[in-house]
Amino acid sequence: MTEENFNKMKTPSRLNITVREFQALDNPTVQHIFYEGLMEMIYDTAFRGLRHHPESLLLYTAVTAGLFIITKCWWVIVFLPAIVICLRYFYSRRVIHGFLRRAMSTDMGDIEGFYMKSPGSCLWVAVVEGKVVGIVAAVSQQEKMGGAVVLQRMAVDQRYRRNGVGSALGQKVVEFAATRGYSSVVLGTTAYKPAAHQLYKRLGFQCVGITNGYTTPGSKQSFMERIFYRVHHHHYILNV
C-alpha cells in the first residue's frame, strides 16, 4: 500500500487513527462491523424512532382506546401497547435483515469487485493499533447527481466511538471527492441517534430534506410493515 493511501489523524483522545483502503484480509472484520451497525438500527427504529412519528403514536392510541370502549376490558390498555412494541421490534428486525440480505447480494458481498476496481468508488477502513475499527465507502454518481459522491456504509466499532474515528472516515470521503473534482458529497440516513447527525454536521454537511415513510431497500412493503415500520430518511449534502 502506497503512502498516499494512508491518512493519519490524532484525536483529542490521542488515538492514532489510520484510514487506509480496504484489503482482502480485512473482510471478516469489515463484515462484522457492518453487521453490528445494522443490528443497532433495529432498536433505533423500533423504539427510539417511535417518538419521532406522532402519526404512529396517534394510530396506536386510537386503536387502544377504540378496543377499550368496545370490550370494556382494562387489560387492553395494559397488553395492547406491549403487543404494539413487540410488533414494531419484529417488523424492524425483518426489514433490517432484508436490507442486510440486499447489501450482501450487491456491494458488501463483493467489496473488491464493487468498490476497489472502479476509479469512482472506494471502501476504506479505520485502523487503531493494527485493529480495524470502522468502515466507510464512497460511490460516484456522476450521471445521476451532477458529479456527486455518495458516502455510505459508515460504521464504527462501538468500543471506539466518540474518539474521532467517524470524523476521520468522513474526512477521507470528502478528500476523495475533492481530489477527483466532484462537486459534492451526499448521504442519506435513517438513524435517530443524535450522535450520527452531530457527526455529519461537524464534517460540514447540511440537511436538505427529510422523507417521512421512507421505503428501506429490501423491505417487502406489506401492510403490516407500513403500520409498524416507519422511518425518516435524512438527506445531507456537502459542497466541495
Protein backbone atom coordinates (compact mmCIF):
# COMPACT_ATOMS: atom_id res chain seq x y z
CA MET A 1 0.00 0.00 0.00
CA THR A 2 1.48 3.36 -1.04
CA GLU A 3 1.87 6.22 1.40
CA GLU A 4 -0.78 8.43 -0.22
CA ASN A 5 -3.44 5.81 0.57
CA PHE A 6 -2.99 6.44 4.28
CA ASN A 7 -4.44 9.25 6.30
CA LYS A 8 -3.24 9.53 9.87
CA MET A 9 -5.05 11.70 12.36
CA LYS A 10 -4.55 12.49 16.06
CA THR A 11 -7.76 12.97 18.03
CA PRO A 12 -8.40 14.53 21.43
CA SER A 13 -8.39 11.04 22.94
CA ARG A 14 -4.90 10.57 21.46
CA LEU A 15 -5.88 7.53 19.47
CA ASN A 16 -3.65 7.12 16.48
CA ILE A 17 -6.17 6.51 13.70
CA THR A 18 -5.06 5.36 10.28
CA VAL A 19 -7.53 5.40 7.40
CA ARG A 20 -6.48 3.21 4.50
CA GLU A 21 -8.03 1.39 1.58
CA PHE A 22 -9.73 -1.94 2.13
CA GLN A 23 -7.63 -5.08 1.78
CA ALA A 24 -8.91 -8.63 1.32
CA LEU A 25 -7.71 -9.69 4.78
CA ASP A 26 -9.94 -7.00 6.32
CA ASN A 27 -13.12 -8.64 5.04
CA PRO A 28 -14.17 -10.67 8.14
CA THR A 29 -13.80 -7.67 10.45
CA VAL A 30 -15.46 -5.32 7.97
CA GLN A 31 -18.43 -7.63 7.66
CA HIS A 32 -18.71 -7.91 11.44
CA ILE A 33 -18.66 -4.13 11.95
CA PHE A 34 -21.22 -3.66 9.18
CA TYR A 35 -23.49 -6.34 10.66
CA GLU A 36 -23.28 -4.98 14.20
CA GLY A 37 -24.06 -1.47 12.97
CA LEU A 38 -27.17 -2.70 11.18
CA MET A 39 -28.38 -4.69 14.17
CA GLU A 40 -28.29 -1.50 16.26
CA MET A 41 -30.76 0.00 13.80
CA ILE A 42 -33.42 -2.49 14.93
CA TYR A 43 -33.64 -0.94 18.40
CA ASP A 44 -33.18 2.53 16.94
CA THR A 45 -36.15 2.30 14.59
CA ALA A 46 -38.43 0.18 16.79
CA PHE A 47 -38.13 2.17 19.99
CA ARG A 48 -36.13 5.40 19.72
CA GLY A 49 -37.82 6.28 16.44
CA LEU A 50 -41.35 5.96 17.82
CA ARG A 51 -41.36 9.41 19.40
CA HIS A 52 -40.43 10.92 16.03
CA HIS A 53 -43.63 9.63 14.44
CA PRO A 54 -46.66 11.24 16.09
CA GLU A 55 -48.91 9.79 13.37
CA SER A 56 -47.98 6.28 14.53
CA LEU A 57 -48.49 7.16 18.18
CA LEU A 58 -51.89 8.64 17.34
CA LEU A 59 -52.89 5.49 15.44
CA TYR A 60 -51.79 3.15 18.24
CA THR A 61 -53.57 5.28 20.85
CA ALA A 62 -56.78 5.44 18.81
CA VAL A 63 -56.83 1.67 18.30
CA THR A 64 -56.22 1.05 22.02
CA ALA A 65 -58.96 3.49 23.03
CA GLY A 66 -61.38 2.03 20.48
CA LEU A 67 -60.85 -1.52 21.65
CA PHE A 68 -61.21 -0.47 25.28
CA ILE A 69 -64.53 1.24 24.53
CA ILE A 70 -65.77 -1.85 22.67
CA THR A 71 -64.54 -4.51 25.12
CA LYS A 72 -64.65 -2.57 28.40
CA CYS A 73 -61.60 -4.59 29.40
CA TRP A 74 -58.79 -2.85 31.28
CA TRP A 75 -56.29 -5.44 30.11
CA VAL A 76 -56.50 -3.86 26.64
CA ILE A 77 -54.79 -0.74 27.97
CA VAL A 78 -52.02 -2.84 29.51
CA PHE A 79 -51.39 -5.50 26.91
CA LEU A 80 -52.11 -3.80 23.58
CA PRO A 81 -49.25 -1.26 23.91
CA ALA A 82 -46.91 -4.15 24.77
CA ILE A 83 -48.11 -6.03 21.69
CA VAL A 84 -47.52 -2.92 19.56
CA ILE A 85 -43.95 -2.60 20.84
CA CYS A 86 -43.30 -6.28 20.10
CA LEU A 87 -44.67 -5.88 16.58
CA ARG A 88 -42.52 -2.79 15.98
CA TYR A 89 -39.46 -4.78 17.03
CA PHE A 90 -40.45 -7.75 14.87
CA TYR A 91 -41.01 -5.71 11.71
CA SER A 92 -37.96 -3.53 12.30
CA ARG A 93 -35.88 -6.67 12.61
CA ARG A 94 -37.42 -8.14 9.46
CA VAL A 95 -36.79 -5.00 7.39
CA ILE A 96 -33.22 -4.57 8.63
CA HIS A 97 -32.43 -8.21 7.87
CA GLY A 98 -33.93 -7.71 4.41
CA PHE A 99 -31.66 -4.70 3.95
CA LEU A 100 -28.69 -6.82 5.06
CA ARG A 101 -29.52 -9.55 2.54
CA ARG A 102 -29.80 -6.96 -0.20
CA ALA A 103 -26.45 -5.41 0.72
CA MET A 104 -24.76 -8.81 0.80
CA SER A 105 -26.14 -9.63 -2.63
CA THR A 106 -24.72 -6.41 -4.08
CA ASP A 107 -21.79 -4.33 -2.85
CA MET A 108 -20.98 -5.84 0.56
CA GLY A 109 -20.90 -9.36 -0.85
CA ASP A 110 -18.13 -8.38 -3.27
CA ILE A 111 -16.24 -5.43 -1.84
CA GLU A 112 -13.23 -5.93 -4.08
CA GLY A 113 -15.30 -6.05 -7.25
CA PHE A 114 -17.77 -3.31 -6.35
CA TYR A 115 -15.58 -0.72 -4.64
CA MET A 116 -11.93 -1.37 -5.37
CA LYS A 117 -11.87 -1.86 -9.14
CA SER A 118 -13.51 1.40 -10.16
CA PRO A 119 -11.84 4.84 -10.02
CA GLY A 120 -15.16 6.34 -8.91
CA SER A 121 -15.59 4.24 -5.79
CA CYS A 122 -13.64 3.00 -2.79
CA LEU A 123 -14.06 1.49 0.65
CA TRP A 124 -11.76 2.47 3.49
CA VAL A 125 -11.12 1.08 6.94
CA ALA A 126 -10.07 2.93 10.09
CA VAL A 127 -7.28 1.18 11.97
CA VAL A 128 -6.24 1.69 15.58
CA GLU A 129 -3.20 -0.22 16.84
CA GLY A 130 -3.45 -2.67 13.98
CA LYS A 131 -7.16 -3.37 14.50
CA VAL A 132 -9.88 -2.42 12.01
CA VAL A 133 -12.42 -0.38 13.98
CA GLY A 134 -14.51 1.39 11.34
CA ILE A 135 -15.53 1.44 7.69
CA VAL A 136 -16.85 3.86 5.09
CA ALA A 137 -17.42 3.74 1.35
CA ALA A 138 -17.80 6.21 -1.50
CA VAL A 139 -19.59 5.70 -4.80
CA SER A 140 -19.61 8.16 -7.70
CA GLN A 141 -22.99 9.28 -9.04
CA GLN A 142 -21.61 11.39 -11.88
CA GLU A 143 -24.59 11.00 -14.19
CA LYS A 144 -27.46 10.79 -11.70
CA MET A 145 -26.48 13.56 -9.29
CA GLY A 146 -24.41 16.04 -11.29
CA GLY A 147 -20.98 14.97 -10.16
CA ALA A 148 -21.67 13.86 -6.60
CA VAL A 149 -20.07 11.21 -4.45
CA VAL A 150 -22.32 9.19 -2.17
CA LEU A 151 -20.97 8.47 1.32
CA GLN A 152 -22.34 5.14 2.51
CA ARG A 153 -21.76 2.08 4.70
CA MET A 154 -20.24 4.13 7.52
CA ALA A 155 -19.99 2.11 10.72
CA VAL A 156 -17.70 2.24 13.74
CA ASP A 157 -17.00 -0.42 16.36
CA GLN A 158 -18.94 0.57 19.50
CA ARG A 159 -15.82 0.40 21.64
CA TYR A 160 -14.08 3.10 19.59
CA ARG A 161 -16.87 5.63 19.16
CA ARG A 162 -16.53 9.24 20.30
CA ASN A 163 -12.80 9.05 19.61
CA GLY A 164 -12.70 10.70 16.21
CA VAL A 165 -12.97 7.53 14.12
CA GLY A 166 -16.16 8.62 12.36
CA SER A 167 -14.71 12.06 11.65
CA ALA A 168 -11.56 10.54 10.16
CA LEU A 169 -13.61 8.27 7.90
CA GLY A 170 -15.92 11.07 6.80
CA GLN A 171 -13.00 13.37 6.03
CA LYS A 172 -11.47 10.66 3.87
CA VAL A 173 -14.57 10.59 1.66
CA VAL A 174 -14.56 14.39 1.41
CA GLU A 175 -10.89 14.31 0.39
CA PHE A 176 -11.67 11.61 -2.17
CA ALA A 177 -14.37 13.80 -3.73
CA ALA A 178 -12.26 16.96 -3.70
CA THR A 179 -9.15 15.43 -5.26
CA ARG A 180 -11.19 13.89 -8.09
CA GLY A 181 -13.08 17.05 -8.91
CA TYR A 182 -16.55 16.08 -7.72
CA SER A 183 -18.90 18.91 -6.82
CA SER A 184 -20.42 17.48 -3.66
CA VAL A 185 -20.72 14.61 -1.21
CA VAL A 186 -24.20 13.37 -0.36
CA LEU A 187 -25.52 10.86 2.11
CA GLY A 188 -28.79 9.55 3.46
CA THR A 189 -29.50 8.15 6.89
CA THR A 190 -32.45 6.73 8.81
CA ALA A 191 -30.57 6.91 12.12
CA TYR A 192 -32.36 8.56 15.04
CA LYS A 193 -29.29 8.75 17.26
CA PRO A 194 -28.29 12.41 17.73
CA ALA A 195 -24.59 11.46 17.60
CA ALA A 196 -24.85 10.42 13.93
CA HIS A 197 -26.39 13.72 12.87
CA GLN A 198 -23.93 15.70 15.01
CA LEU A 199 -21.07 13.94 13.23
CA TYR A 200 -22.34 14.85 9.77
CA LYS A 201 -22.83 18.47 10.78
CA ARG A 202 -19.32 18.66 12.26
CA LEU A 203 -17.98 17.44 8.93
CA GLY A 204 -19.80 20.32 7.22
CA PHE A 205 -22.87 18.53 5.86
CA GLN A 206 -26.23 20.27 5.73
CA CYS A 207 -29.58 18.53 5.97
CA VAL A 208 -31.51 19.47 2.83
CA GLY A 209 -34.61 17.33 3.27
CA ILE A 210 -36.40 14.62 5.22
CA THR A 211 -38.51 11.85 3.71
CA ASN A 212 -41.19 10.54 6.06
CA GLY A 213 -42.25 6.96 5.43
CA TYR A 214 -39.05 6.13 3.54
CA THR A 215 -39.01 2.76 1.78
CA THR A 216 -35.94 0.91 3.03
CA PRO A 217 -34.23 -1.21 0.35
CA GLY A 218 -35.02 -4.86 0.99
CA SER A 219 -38.37 -4.24 2.68
CA LYS A 220 -41.44 -6.09 1.46
CA GLN A 221 -43.74 -3.07 1.91
CA SER A 222 -46.55 -5.21 3.27
CA PHE A 223 -49.49 -3.61 5.05
CA MET A 224 -48.13 -4.65 8.45
CA GLU A 225 -44.70 -3.24 7.68
CA ARG A 226 -46.21 0.10 6.74
CA ILE A 227 -48.06 0.16 10.08
CA PHE A 228 -45.23 -0.95 12.36
CA TYR A 229 -42.11 0.18 10.49
CA ARG A 230 -41.82 3.85 9.63
CA VAL A 231 -38.60 5.83 9.39
CA HIS A 232 -37.43 9.30 8.50
CA HIS A 233 -34.74 9.44 5.82
CA HIS A 234 -32.49 12.48 6.25
CA HIS A 235 -30.75 13.83 3.14
CA TYR A 236 -27.38 15.55 3.69
CA ILE A 237 -25.10 17.36 1.27
CA LEU A 238 -21.62 18.90 1.47
CA ASN A 239 -20.38 21.04 -1.41
CA VAL A 240 -16.68 20.58 -2.05
